Amino acid sequence: MGKIKRFFSHETSIIDDGCIIGERTKIWHFSHIMPDCIIGNDCNIGQNVVVSPKVVLGNNVKVQNNVSIYTGVFCEDDVFLGPSMVFTNVINPRSAIKRQNEFQVTNVKRGASIGANATIVCGNTIGEYAFVGAGAVVTKNVLPYALVVGNPSQQIGWVSEFGHRLIFDKNGIAECVESGDKYIKDNGLVDKMN
C-alpha cells in the first residue's frame, strides 16, 4: 500500500528525491525543493522559492515568494523569511572556481524574522526572535531580540517575541505592547522574563 502524502504541493512545484516534508506543509507554484532537504510541519513555501540540497527548515517556517535558501542554511521553528530575501553560502564566489567545499553555515534561530529583499551573508547566526529589516545586508551575527536595519546592517533597538519595539526603563525592564510580556536588558543582551 502506498504512503499517504500529508502535505500539499502545487502541480508546478518540483520536489526532488530524499526530501522529508512535514505534515500540513504547503509548497506553492514553481517552487523547487532540491534533494535531501528537511522541511518541518505547518510550513508555507511561497511561489518561485528554491530550497537547495540539504537545507533544514523547522516547523511553522514561512517562506515568502521569490526566496532562495542555499545549502548550509538551517532555520529553526517559527522563522519568517520575507519576499525576495536571499541567503549566500560562499564568501568569495567565482563562476570559474568550484567552492562547494567552502559552503558556510548560516543559522536562523527560533522566531526570527527577515524582511523583504534582505541579504544574509553566510557564516552568521540570526538570534532568537531577532528582526532583520527590509533591505538590510547582514554581515555579522545578530543578537537575540535585536532589531537591525541598513547596509551593512546596524542594530537600532530591540523587539519582543511579537515583533514590537521594546523601550526599556531605567531598571532595564520593557513590556511588549501586544502581549504584556516583560523583558530585561542586562550587559548588552535582552531576555524574556519568567
N, C-alpha and C. Protein backbone atom coordinates (compact mmCIF):
# COMPACT_ATOMS: atom_id res chain seq x y z
N MET A 1 0.84 -1.18 0.00
CA MET A 1 0.00 0.00 0.00
C MET A 1 0.89 1.24 0.00
N GLY A 2 0.56 2.24 -0.82
CA GLY A 2 1.36 3.46 -0.96
C GLY A 2 1.29 4.35 0.26
N LYS A 3 2.32 5.14 0.42
CA LYS A 3 2.41 6.08 1.53
C LYS A 3 1.50 7.28 1.25
N ILE A 4 0.74 7.70 2.22
CA ILE A 4 -0.17 8.84 2.06
C ILE A 4 0.62 10.14 2.20
N LYS A 5 0.46 11.03 1.22
CA LYS A 5 1.12 12.34 1.26
C LYS A 5 0.34 13.23 2.23
N ARG A 6 1.02 13.75 3.22
CA ARG A 6 0.37 14.54 4.27
C ARG A 6 0.70 16.03 4.16
N PHE A 7 1.21 16.43 3.00
CA PHE A 7 1.48 17.85 2.74
C PHE A 7 0.91 18.19 1.38
N PHE A 8 0.80 19.48 1.07
CA PHE A 8 0.29 19.93 -0.22
C PHE A 8 1.44 20.46 -1.06
N SER A 9 1.48 20.06 -2.33
CA SER A 9 2.43 20.67 -3.27
C SER A 9 1.68 20.96 -4.55
N HIS A 10 1.81 22.20 -5.02
CA HIS A 10 1.16 22.60 -6.26
C HIS A 10 1.72 21.78 -7.41
N GLU A 11 0.92 21.54 -8.42
CA GLU A 11 1.35 20.69 -9.54
C GLU A 11 2.56 21.23 -10.29
N THR A 12 2.84 22.54 -10.17
CA THR A 12 4.01 23.10 -10.85
C THR A 12 5.26 23.07 -10.00
N SER A 13 5.15 22.67 -8.75
CA SER A 13 6.33 22.60 -7.89
C SER A 13 7.09 21.30 -8.18
N ILE A 14 8.38 21.31 -7.85
CA ILE A 14 9.23 20.13 -8.04
C ILE A 14 9.84 19.78 -6.70
N ILE A 15 9.70 18.51 -6.33
CA ILE A 15 10.29 18.02 -5.08
C ILE A 15 11.20 16.85 -5.44
N ASP A 16 12.50 17.03 -5.24
CA ASP A 16 13.47 16.00 -5.60
C ASP A 16 13.50 14.87 -4.58
N ASP A 17 14.20 13.80 -4.95
CA ASP A 17 14.30 12.62 -4.10
C ASP A 17 15.02 12.93 -2.79
N GLY A 18 14.66 12.18 -1.77
CA GLY A 18 15.35 12.24 -0.49
C GLY A 18 14.86 13.32 0.43
N CYS A 19 13.83 14.05 0.05
CA CYS A 19 13.31 15.12 0.92
C CYS A 19 12.34 14.56 1.95
N ILE A 20 12.36 15.16 3.11
CA ILE A 20 11.39 14.85 4.15
C ILE A 20 10.57 16.12 4.36
N ILE A 21 9.27 16.03 4.14
CA ILE A 21 8.40 17.19 4.24
C ILE A 21 7.30 16.89 5.25
N GLY A 22 7.16 17.80 6.21
CA GLY A 22 6.25 17.58 7.32
C GLY A 22 4.78 17.73 6.97
N GLU A 23 3.96 17.30 7.91
CA GLU A 23 2.51 17.35 7.75
C GLU A 23 2.01 18.79 7.65
N ARG A 24 0.99 18.97 6.82
CA ARG A 24 0.27 20.25 6.64
C ARG A 24 1.13 21.34 6.02
N THR A 25 2.33 21.01 5.58
CA THR A 25 3.16 21.98 4.87
C THR A 25 2.59 22.20 3.48
N LYS A 26 2.71 23.45 2.99
CA LYS A 26 2.23 23.80 1.65
C LYS A 26 3.39 24.32 0.81
N ILE A 27 3.51 23.80 -0.40
CA ILE A 27 4.56 24.21 -1.33
C ILE A 27 3.85 24.72 -2.59
N TRP A 28 4.06 26.00 -2.91
CA TRP A 28 3.25 26.66 -3.94
C TRP A 28 3.93 26.69 -5.30
N HIS A 29 3.34 27.43 -6.23
CA HIS A 29 3.66 27.45 -7.66
C HIS A 29 5.16 27.64 -7.94
N PHE A 30 5.67 26.82 -8.83
CA PHE A 30 7.01 26.97 -9.42
C PHE A 30 8.15 26.92 -8.40
N SER A 31 7.91 26.33 -7.25
CA SER A 31 8.98 26.19 -6.26
C SER A 31 9.71 24.86 -6.47
N HIS A 32 11.00 24.86 -6.11
CA HIS A 32 11.83 23.68 -6.30
C HIS A 32 12.50 23.33 -4.97
N ILE A 33 12.16 22.14 -4.47
CA ILE A 33 12.78 21.61 -3.26
C ILE A 33 13.80 20.58 -3.73
N MET A 34 15.07 20.88 -3.54
CA MET A 34 16.14 20.04 -4.08
C MET A 34 16.44 18.86 -3.14
N PRO A 35 17.31 17.93 -3.56
CA PRO A 35 17.48 16.67 -2.82
C PRO A 35 17.89 16.84 -1.35
N ASP A 36 17.34 15.93 -0.54
CA ASP A 36 17.76 15.73 0.85
C ASP A 36 17.45 16.92 1.77
N CYS A 37 16.45 17.70 1.43
CA CYS A 37 16.00 18.77 2.33
C CYS A 37 15.09 18.19 3.41
N ILE A 38 15.08 18.86 4.53
CA ILE A 38 14.14 18.52 5.59
C ILE A 38 13.32 19.76 5.87
N ILE A 39 12.01 19.64 5.69
CA ILE A 39 11.08 20.75 5.92
C ILE A 39 10.06 20.26 6.94
N GLY A 40 9.89 21.02 8.01
CA GLY A 40 9.04 20.61 9.12
C GLY A 40 7.55 20.68 8.84
N ASN A 41 6.78 20.50 9.90
CA ASN A 41 5.32 20.57 9.84
C ASN A 41 4.86 22.02 9.73
N ASP A 42 3.70 22.22 9.09
CA ASP A 42 3.00 23.51 9.06
C ASP A 42 3.80 24.64 8.42
N CYS A 43 4.71 24.31 7.52
CA CYS A 43 5.47 25.34 6.82
C CYS A 43 4.69 25.83 5.60
N ASN A 44 5.02 27.02 5.14
CA ASN A 44 4.45 27.55 3.91
C ASN A 44 5.59 28.02 3.02
N ILE A 45 5.74 27.37 1.88
CA ILE A 45 6.78 27.70 0.91
C ILE A 45 6.10 28.42 -0.24
N GLY A 46 6.35 29.71 -0.37
CA GLY A 46 5.66 30.54 -1.35
C GLY A 46 6.02 30.22 -2.79
N GLN A 47 5.56 31.07 -3.68
CA GLN A 47 5.77 30.89 -5.12
C GLN A 47 7.22 31.20 -5.50
N ASN A 48 7.77 30.40 -6.43
CA ASN A 48 9.09 30.64 -7.00
C ASN A 48 10.20 30.64 -5.94
N VAL A 49 10.15 29.68 -5.05
CA VAL A 49 11.16 29.51 -4.00
C VAL A 49 12.09 28.37 -4.40
N VAL A 50 13.39 28.55 -4.16
CA VAL A 50 14.36 27.49 -4.36
C VAL A 50 14.94 27.12 -3.00
N VAL A 51 14.83 25.84 -2.66
CA VAL A 51 15.42 25.32 -1.43
C VAL A 51 16.51 24.33 -1.87
N SER A 52 17.75 24.72 -1.68
CA SER A 52 18.89 23.94 -2.19
C SER A 52 19.11 22.67 -1.37
N PRO A 53 19.94 21.75 -1.88
CA PRO A 53 20.13 20.47 -1.21
C PRO A 53 20.56 20.60 0.26
N LYS A 54 19.97 19.75 1.07
CA LYS A 54 20.32 19.56 2.48
C LYS A 54 19.97 20.75 3.37
N VAL A 55 19.15 21.67 2.89
CA VAL A 55 18.65 22.75 3.76
C VAL A 55 17.70 22.13 4.78
N VAL A 56 17.69 22.69 5.99
CA VAL A 56 16.78 22.24 7.04
C VAL A 56 15.93 23.40 7.50
N LEU A 57 14.61 23.22 7.42
CA LEU A 57 13.64 24.20 7.93
C LEU A 57 12.85 23.53 9.04
N GLY A 58 12.71 24.21 10.17
CA GLY A 58 11.94 23.68 11.29
C GLY A 58 10.45 23.73 11.02
N ASN A 59 9.66 23.62 12.09
CA ASN A 59 8.21 23.69 12.00
C ASN A 59 7.73 25.13 11.88
N ASN A 60 6.63 25.33 11.16
CA ASN A 60 5.96 26.63 11.05
C ASN A 60 6.86 27.72 10.47
N VAL A 61 7.72 27.35 9.54
CA VAL A 61 8.57 28.33 8.85
C VAL A 61 7.77 28.89 7.67
N LYS A 62 7.73 30.20 7.56
CA LYS A 62 7.01 30.87 6.48
C LYS A 62 8.02 31.46 5.51
N VAL A 63 8.02 30.97 4.28
CA VAL A 63 8.94 31.43 3.24
C VAL A 63 8.10 32.13 2.18
N GLN A 64 8.28 33.43 2.03
CA GLN A 64 7.50 34.20 1.08
C GLN A 64 8.04 34.01 -0.34
N ASN A 65 7.37 34.62 -1.32
CA ASN A 65 7.70 34.42 -2.73
C ASN A 65 9.13 34.86 -3.07
N ASN A 66 9.71 34.17 -4.05
CA ASN A 66 11.00 34.54 -4.67
C ASN A 66 12.18 34.48 -3.71
N VAL A 67 12.20 33.53 -2.81
CA VAL A 67 13.30 33.38 -1.85
C VAL A 67 14.20 32.24 -2.29
N SER A 68 15.52 32.45 -2.16
CA SER A 68 16.50 31.39 -2.41
C SER A 68 17.16 31.02 -1.09
N ILE A 69 17.06 29.75 -0.72
CA ILE A 69 17.65 29.25 0.52
C ILE A 69 18.73 28.24 0.11
N TYR A 70 20.00 28.62 0.30
CA TYR A 70 21.10 27.82 -0.22
C TYR A 70 21.62 26.81 0.80
N THR A 71 22.30 25.80 0.30
CA THR A 71 22.90 24.76 1.14
C THR A 71 23.75 25.41 2.23
N GLY A 72 23.57 24.92 3.45
CA GLY A 72 24.27 25.48 4.60
C GLY A 72 23.36 26.29 5.50
N VAL A 73 22.12 26.51 5.07
CA VAL A 73 21.17 27.28 5.87
C VAL A 73 20.33 26.34 6.72
N PHE A 74 20.18 26.71 7.99
CA PHE A 74 19.34 25.97 8.93
C PHE A 74 18.42 26.96 9.62
N CYS A 75 17.12 26.79 9.46
CA CYS A 75 16.13 27.66 10.09
C CYS A 75 15.38 26.87 11.15
N GLU A 76 15.34 27.40 12.36
CA GLU A 76 14.60 26.75 13.44
C GLU A 76 13.11 27.04 13.30
N ASP A 77 12.32 26.59 14.27
CA ASP A 77 10.87 26.76 14.24
C ASP A 77 10.48 28.24 14.21
N ASP A 78 9.33 28.51 13.57
CA ASP A 78 8.67 29.82 13.60
C ASP A 78 9.46 30.94 12.95
N VAL A 79 10.34 30.62 12.01
CA VAL A 79 11.11 31.63 11.29
C VAL A 79 10.26 32.19 10.15
N PHE A 80 10.40 33.50 9.89
CA PHE A 80 9.73 34.17 8.78
C PHE A 80 10.79 34.70 7.82
N LEU A 81 10.70 34.30 6.55
CA LEU A 81 11.62 34.77 5.51
C LEU A 81 10.81 35.59 4.52
N GLY A 82 11.04 36.91 4.50
CA GLY A 82 10.25 37.84 3.71
C GLY A 82 10.48 37.71 2.22
N PRO A 83 9.59 38.34 1.42
CA PRO A 83 9.67 38.23 -0.02
C PRO A 83 11.02 38.65 -0.59
N SER A 84 11.55 37.84 -1.47
CA SER A 84 12.77 38.12 -2.23
C SER A 84 14.02 38.29 -1.38
N MET A 85 13.99 37.88 -0.11
CA MET A 85 15.24 37.90 0.67
C MET A 85 16.11 36.76 0.17
N VAL A 86 17.41 36.84 0.46
CA VAL A 86 18.32 35.82 -0.05
C VAL A 86 19.43 35.51 0.95
N PHE A 87 19.83 34.27 0.94
CA PHE A 87 21.00 33.82 1.69
C PHE A 87 22.15 33.65 0.71
N THR A 88 23.38 33.70 1.21
CA THR A 88 24.54 33.29 0.43
C THR A 88 25.15 32.08 1.13
N ASN A 89 26.09 31.40 0.46
CA ASN A 89 26.76 30.30 1.15
C ASN A 89 28.26 30.24 0.89
N VAL A 90 28.79 31.16 0.08
CA VAL A 90 30.22 31.26 -0.15
C VAL A 90 30.62 32.72 -0.02
N ILE A 91 31.72 33.01 0.68
CA ILE A 91 32.16 34.39 0.90
C ILE A 91 32.69 35.04 -0.37
N ASN A 92 33.43 34.30 -1.18
CA ASN A 92 34.05 34.89 -2.37
C ASN A 92 33.75 34.06 -3.62
N PRO A 93 32.49 34.05 -4.06
CA PRO A 93 32.12 33.21 -5.20
C PRO A 93 32.76 33.67 -6.50
N ARG A 94 33.13 32.70 -7.32
CA ARG A 94 33.64 32.93 -8.67
C ARG A 94 33.03 31.87 -9.57
N SER A 95 32.57 32.26 -10.72
CA SER A 95 31.92 31.32 -11.63
C SER A 95 32.86 30.20 -12.06
N ALA A 96 34.13 30.50 -12.29
CA ALA A 96 35.07 29.51 -12.82
C ALA A 96 35.74 28.66 -11.74
N ILE A 97 35.47 28.96 -10.47
CA ILE A 97 36.13 28.22 -9.38
C ILE A 97 35.07 27.51 -8.55
N LYS A 98 35.21 26.21 -8.43
CA LYS A 98 34.25 25.43 -7.64
C LYS A 98 34.58 25.55 -6.16
N ARG A 99 33.59 25.96 -5.38
CA ARG A 99 33.82 26.18 -3.95
C ARG A 99 32.78 25.47 -3.08
N GLN A 100 32.19 24.38 -3.56
CA GLN A 100 31.19 23.67 -2.76
C GLN A 100 31.74 23.18 -1.43
N ASN A 101 33.06 22.96 -1.38
CA ASN A 101 33.66 22.51 -0.11
C ASN A 101 33.89 23.68 0.85
N GLU A 102 33.54 24.89 0.42
CA GLU A 102 33.72 26.07 1.26
C GLU A 102 32.39 26.66 1.73
N PHE A 103 31.28 25.94 1.51
CA PHE A 103 29.99 26.45 1.97
C PHE A 103 30.05 26.73 3.47
N GLN A 104 29.53 27.87 3.87
CA GLN A 104 29.49 28.23 5.29
C GLN A 104 28.08 28.07 5.83
N VAL A 105 27.99 27.77 7.10
CA VAL A 105 26.70 27.54 7.75
C VAL A 105 26.10 28.86 8.22
N THR A 106 24.81 29.01 7.96
CA THR A 106 24.04 30.14 8.45
C THR A 106 22.89 29.59 9.28
N ASN A 107 22.77 30.05 10.52
CA ASN A 107 21.69 29.60 11.40
C ASN A 107 20.72 30.74 11.65
N VAL A 108 19.44 30.44 11.46
CA VAL A 108 18.38 31.39 11.79
C VAL A 108 17.61 30.77 12.95
N LYS A 109 17.70 31.39 14.10
CA LYS A 109 17.16 30.82 15.34
C LYS A 109 15.65 31.03 15.45
N ARG A 110 15.08 30.31 16.36
CA ARG A 110 13.62 30.28 16.57
C ARG A 110 13.00 31.67 16.60
N GLY A 111 11.92 31.83 15.83
CA GLY A 111 11.11 33.04 15.89
C GLY A 111 11.68 34.25 15.19
N ALA A 112 12.85 34.14 14.57
CA ALA A 112 13.45 35.30 13.90
C ALA A 112 12.68 35.63 12.63
N SER A 113 12.68 36.92 12.27
CA SER A 113 12.05 37.39 11.03
C SER A 113 13.09 38.12 10.19
N ILE A 114 13.08 37.84 8.90
CA ILE A 114 13.97 38.51 7.95
C ILE A 114 13.10 39.20 6.91
N GLY A 115 13.24 40.52 6.79
CA GLY A 115 12.37 41.32 5.95
C GLY A 115 12.63 41.16 4.47
N ALA A 116 11.71 41.71 3.68
CA ALA A 116 11.77 41.66 2.22
C ALA A 116 13.08 42.22 1.70
N ASN A 117 13.63 41.54 0.71
CA ASN A 117 14.85 41.97 0.00
C ASN A 117 16.10 42.05 0.87
N ALA A 118 16.07 41.51 2.07
CA ALA A 118 17.28 41.46 2.90
C ALA A 118 18.23 40.41 2.34
N THR A 119 19.52 40.59 2.63
CA THR A 119 20.55 39.62 2.25
C THR A 119 21.28 39.19 3.51
N ILE A 120 21.43 37.89 3.68
CA ILE A 120 22.16 37.35 4.82
C ILE A 120 23.45 36.74 4.30
N VAL A 121 24.58 37.39 4.59
CA VAL A 121 25.88 36.87 4.18
C VAL A 121 26.17 35.63 5.02
N CYS A 122 26.67 34.59 4.37
CA CYS A 122 26.84 33.29 5.01
C CYS A 122 27.80 33.34 6.20
N GLY A 123 27.63 32.33 7.06
CA GLY A 123 28.51 32.18 8.21
C GLY A 123 28.04 32.91 9.44
N ASN A 124 26.85 33.52 9.38
CA ASN A 124 26.34 34.28 10.52
C ASN A 124 25.13 33.61 11.14
N THR A 125 24.85 33.99 12.38
CA THR A 125 23.69 33.49 13.10
C THR A 125 22.75 34.64 13.36
N ILE A 126 21.48 34.42 13.06
CA ILE A 126 20.41 35.37 13.39
C ILE A 126 19.77 34.84 14.66
N GLY A 127 19.86 35.60 15.74
CA GLY A 127 19.43 35.12 17.06
C GLY A 127 17.93 34.96 17.20
N GLU A 128 17.53 34.30 18.27
CA GLU A 128 16.13 34.06 18.56
C GLU A 128 15.34 35.36 18.54
N TYR A 129 14.23 35.36 17.83
CA TYR A 129 13.26 36.46 17.76
C TYR A 129 13.86 37.77 17.25
N ALA A 130 15.04 37.72 16.66
CA ALA A 130 15.62 38.92 16.06
C ALA A 130 14.76 39.35 14.88
N PHE A 131 14.91 40.61 14.50
CA PHE A 131 14.14 41.17 13.38
C PHE A 131 15.11 41.90 12.46
N VAL A 132 15.25 41.37 11.23
CA VAL A 132 16.11 41.97 10.22
C VAL A 132 15.21 42.79 9.30
N GLY A 133 15.41 44.10 9.26
CA GLY A 133 14.56 44.98 8.48
C GLY A 133 14.67 44.75 6.98
N ALA A 134 13.65 45.19 6.26
CA ALA A 134 13.61 45.06 4.81
C ALA A 134 14.85 45.71 4.18
N GLY A 135 15.46 45.00 3.25
CA GLY A 135 16.61 45.53 2.52
C GLY A 135 17.93 45.52 3.27
N ALA A 136 17.94 45.05 4.50
CA ALA A 136 19.19 45.02 5.27
C ALA A 136 20.16 44.02 4.67
N VAL A 137 21.46 44.28 4.86
CA VAL A 137 22.51 43.35 4.46
C VAL A 137 23.26 42.95 5.72
N VAL A 138 23.03 41.72 6.15
CA VAL A 138 23.61 41.22 7.40
C VAL A 138 24.98 40.64 7.13
N THR A 139 26.01 41.23 7.76
CA THR A 139 27.40 40.81 7.56
C THR A 139 28.03 40.26 8.83
N LYS A 140 27.25 40.21 9.92
CA LYS A 140 27.76 39.69 11.20
C LYS A 140 26.60 39.11 11.98
N ASN A 141 26.90 38.41 13.06
CA ASN A 141 25.87 37.80 13.88
C ASN A 141 24.89 38.85 14.39
N VAL A 142 23.63 38.44 14.54
CA VAL A 142 22.57 39.30 15.07
C VAL A 142 22.14 38.71 16.41
N LEU A 143 22.13 39.53 17.45
CA LEU A 143 21.78 39.07 18.79
C LEU A 143 20.30 38.69 18.89
N PRO A 144 19.97 37.80 19.84
CA PRO A 144 18.56 37.52 20.09
C PRO A 144 17.80 38.81 20.42
N TYR A 145 16.61 38.94 19.89
CA TYR A 145 15.69 40.08 20.10
C TYR A 145 16.20 41.39 19.48
N ALA A 146 17.29 41.36 18.74
CA ALA A 146 17.84 42.59 18.16
C ALA A 146 17.04 43.01 16.92
N LEU A 147 16.95 44.32 16.71
CA LEU A 147 16.38 44.91 15.50
C LEU A 147 17.53 45.51 14.71
N VAL A 148 17.75 45.00 13.48
CA VAL A 148 18.85 45.51 12.65
C VAL A 148 18.30 46.00 11.32
N VAL A 149 18.89 47.08 10.80
CA VAL A 149 18.49 47.66 9.51
C VAL A 149 19.74 48.16 8.80
N GLY A 150 19.60 48.42 7.50
CA GLY A 150 20.64 49.11 6.74
C GLY A 150 21.63 48.19 6.04
N ASN A 151 22.57 48.87 5.33
CA ASN A 151 23.61 48.18 4.56
C ASN A 151 24.96 48.85 4.82
N PRO A 152 25.87 48.19 5.56
CA PRO A 152 25.67 46.93 6.28
C PRO A 152 24.72 47.15 7.46
N SER A 153 24.08 46.08 7.90
CA SER A 153 23.08 46.22 8.96
C SER A 153 23.71 46.69 10.26
N GLN A 154 22.95 47.51 10.96
CA GLN A 154 23.33 48.01 12.27
C GLN A 154 22.16 47.80 13.22
N GLN A 155 22.46 47.47 14.45
CA GLN A 155 21.39 47.31 15.43
C GLN A 155 20.89 48.68 15.87
N ILE A 156 19.55 48.87 15.80
CA ILE A 156 18.95 50.14 16.22
C ILE A 156 18.00 49.99 17.40
N GLY A 157 17.84 48.77 17.89
CA GLY A 157 16.95 48.57 19.03
C GLY A 157 16.72 47.10 19.29
N TRP A 158 15.63 46.87 20.02
CA TRP A 158 15.26 45.53 20.44
C TRP A 158 13.77 45.32 20.16
N VAL A 159 13.37 44.05 19.95
CA VAL A 159 11.97 43.73 19.72
C VAL A 159 11.53 42.57 20.61
N SER A 160 10.23 42.52 20.84
CA SER A 160 9.63 41.42 21.61
C SER A 160 9.41 40.21 20.71
N GLU A 161 8.96 39.11 21.29
CA GLU A 161 8.63 37.93 20.51
C GLU A 161 7.48 38.21 19.55
N PHE A 162 6.68 39.25 19.82
CA PHE A 162 5.58 39.64 18.95
C PHE A 162 6.04 40.65 17.89
N GLY A 163 7.32 41.04 17.91
CA GLY A 163 7.87 41.91 16.89
C GLY A 163 7.69 43.40 17.14
N HIS A 164 7.38 43.79 18.38
CA HIS A 164 7.21 45.21 18.73
C HIS A 164 8.49 45.76 19.35
N ARG A 165 8.78 47.04 19.05
CA ARG A 165 9.95 47.69 19.66
C ARG A 165 9.81 47.66 21.17
N LEU A 166 10.93 47.42 21.83
CA LEU A 166 10.98 47.42 23.30
C LEU A 166 11.65 48.71 23.77
N ILE A 167 10.99 49.38 24.68
CA ILE A 167 11.52 50.60 25.29
C ILE A 167 11.80 50.28 26.75
N PHE A 168 13.08 50.32 27.12
CA PHE A 168 13.49 49.90 28.46
C PHE A 168 13.48 51.07 29.43
N ASP A 169 13.02 50.81 30.64
CA ASP A 169 13.05 51.84 31.69
C ASP A 169 14.44 51.88 32.32
N LYS A 170 14.61 52.73 33.34
CA LYS A 170 15.93 52.90 33.97
C LYS A 170 16.43 51.63 34.66
N ASN A 171 15.51 50.70 34.92
CA ASN A 171 15.89 49.42 35.55
C ASN A 171 16.18 48.33 34.52
N GLY A 172 16.10 48.70 33.23
CA GLY A 172 16.37 47.73 32.18
C GLY A 172 15.21 46.79 31.92
N ILE A 173 13.99 47.23 32.23
CA ILE A 173 12.80 46.41 32.02
C ILE A 173 11.95 47.04 30.92
N ALA A 174 11.39 46.20 30.04
CA ALA A 174 10.48 46.67 28.99
C ALA A 174 9.30 45.71 28.92
N GLU A 175 8.19 46.23 28.41
CA GLU A 175 6.98 45.42 28.27
C GLU A 175 6.50 45.47 26.82
N CYS A 176 6.14 44.31 26.28
CA CYS A 176 5.59 44.24 24.93
C CYS A 176 4.19 44.83 24.93
N VAL A 177 3.93 45.76 24.01
CA VAL A 177 2.63 46.44 23.97
C VAL A 177 1.49 45.50 23.58
N GLU A 178 1.79 44.40 22.91
CA GLU A 178 0.73 43.47 22.50
C GLU A 178 0.51 42.34 23.49
N SER A 179 1.59 41.70 23.92
CA SER A 179 1.45 40.51 24.77
C SER A 179 1.48 40.83 26.26
N GLY A 180 2.10 41.97 26.63
CA GLY A 180 2.29 42.27 28.04
C GLY A 180 3.48 41.56 28.66
N ASP A 181 4.17 40.72 27.87
CA ASP A 181 5.36 40.04 28.38
C ASP A 181 6.43 41.07 28.72
N LYS A 182 7.20 40.76 29.75
CA LYS A 182 8.27 41.66 30.18
C LYS A 182 9.62 41.10 29.76
N TYR A 183 10.54 42.03 29.46
CA TYR A 183 11.89 41.70 29.01
C TYR A 183 12.87 42.47 29.86
N ILE A 184 14.07 41.89 30.02
CA ILE A 184 15.12 42.55 30.79
C ILE A 184 16.36 42.69 29.91
N LYS A 185 17.00 43.85 30.03
CA LYS A 185 18.26 44.10 29.32
C LYS A 185 19.36 44.17 30.36
N ASP A 186 20.39 43.34 30.15
CA ASP A 186 21.49 43.27 31.11
C ASP A 186 22.77 42.95 30.35
N ASN A 187 23.81 43.75 30.58
CA ASN A 187 25.11 43.53 29.94
C ASN A 187 25.00 43.43 28.41
N GLY A 188 24.18 44.27 27.80
CA GLY A 188 24.07 44.31 26.36
C GLY A 188 23.28 43.21 25.72
N LEU A 189 22.56 42.41 26.51
CA LEU A 189 21.72 41.35 26.00
C LEU A 189 20.31 41.50 26.53
N VAL A 190 19.34 40.99 25.78
CA VAL A 190 17.94 41.04 26.20
C VAL A 190 17.42 39.61 26.33
N ASP A 191 16.59 39.40 27.35
CA ASP A 191 15.94 38.10 27.53
C ASP A 191 14.53 38.34 28.07
N LYS A 192 13.66 37.39 27.79
CA LYS A 192 12.29 37.43 28.29
C LYS A 192 12.29 37.03 29.75
N MET A 193 11.52 37.75 30.55
CA MET A 193 11.42 37.42 31.98
C MET A 193 10.36 36.34 32.17
N ASN A 194 10.55 35.54 33.20
CA ASN A 194 9.56 34.47 33.51
C ASN A 194 8.34 35.04 34.18
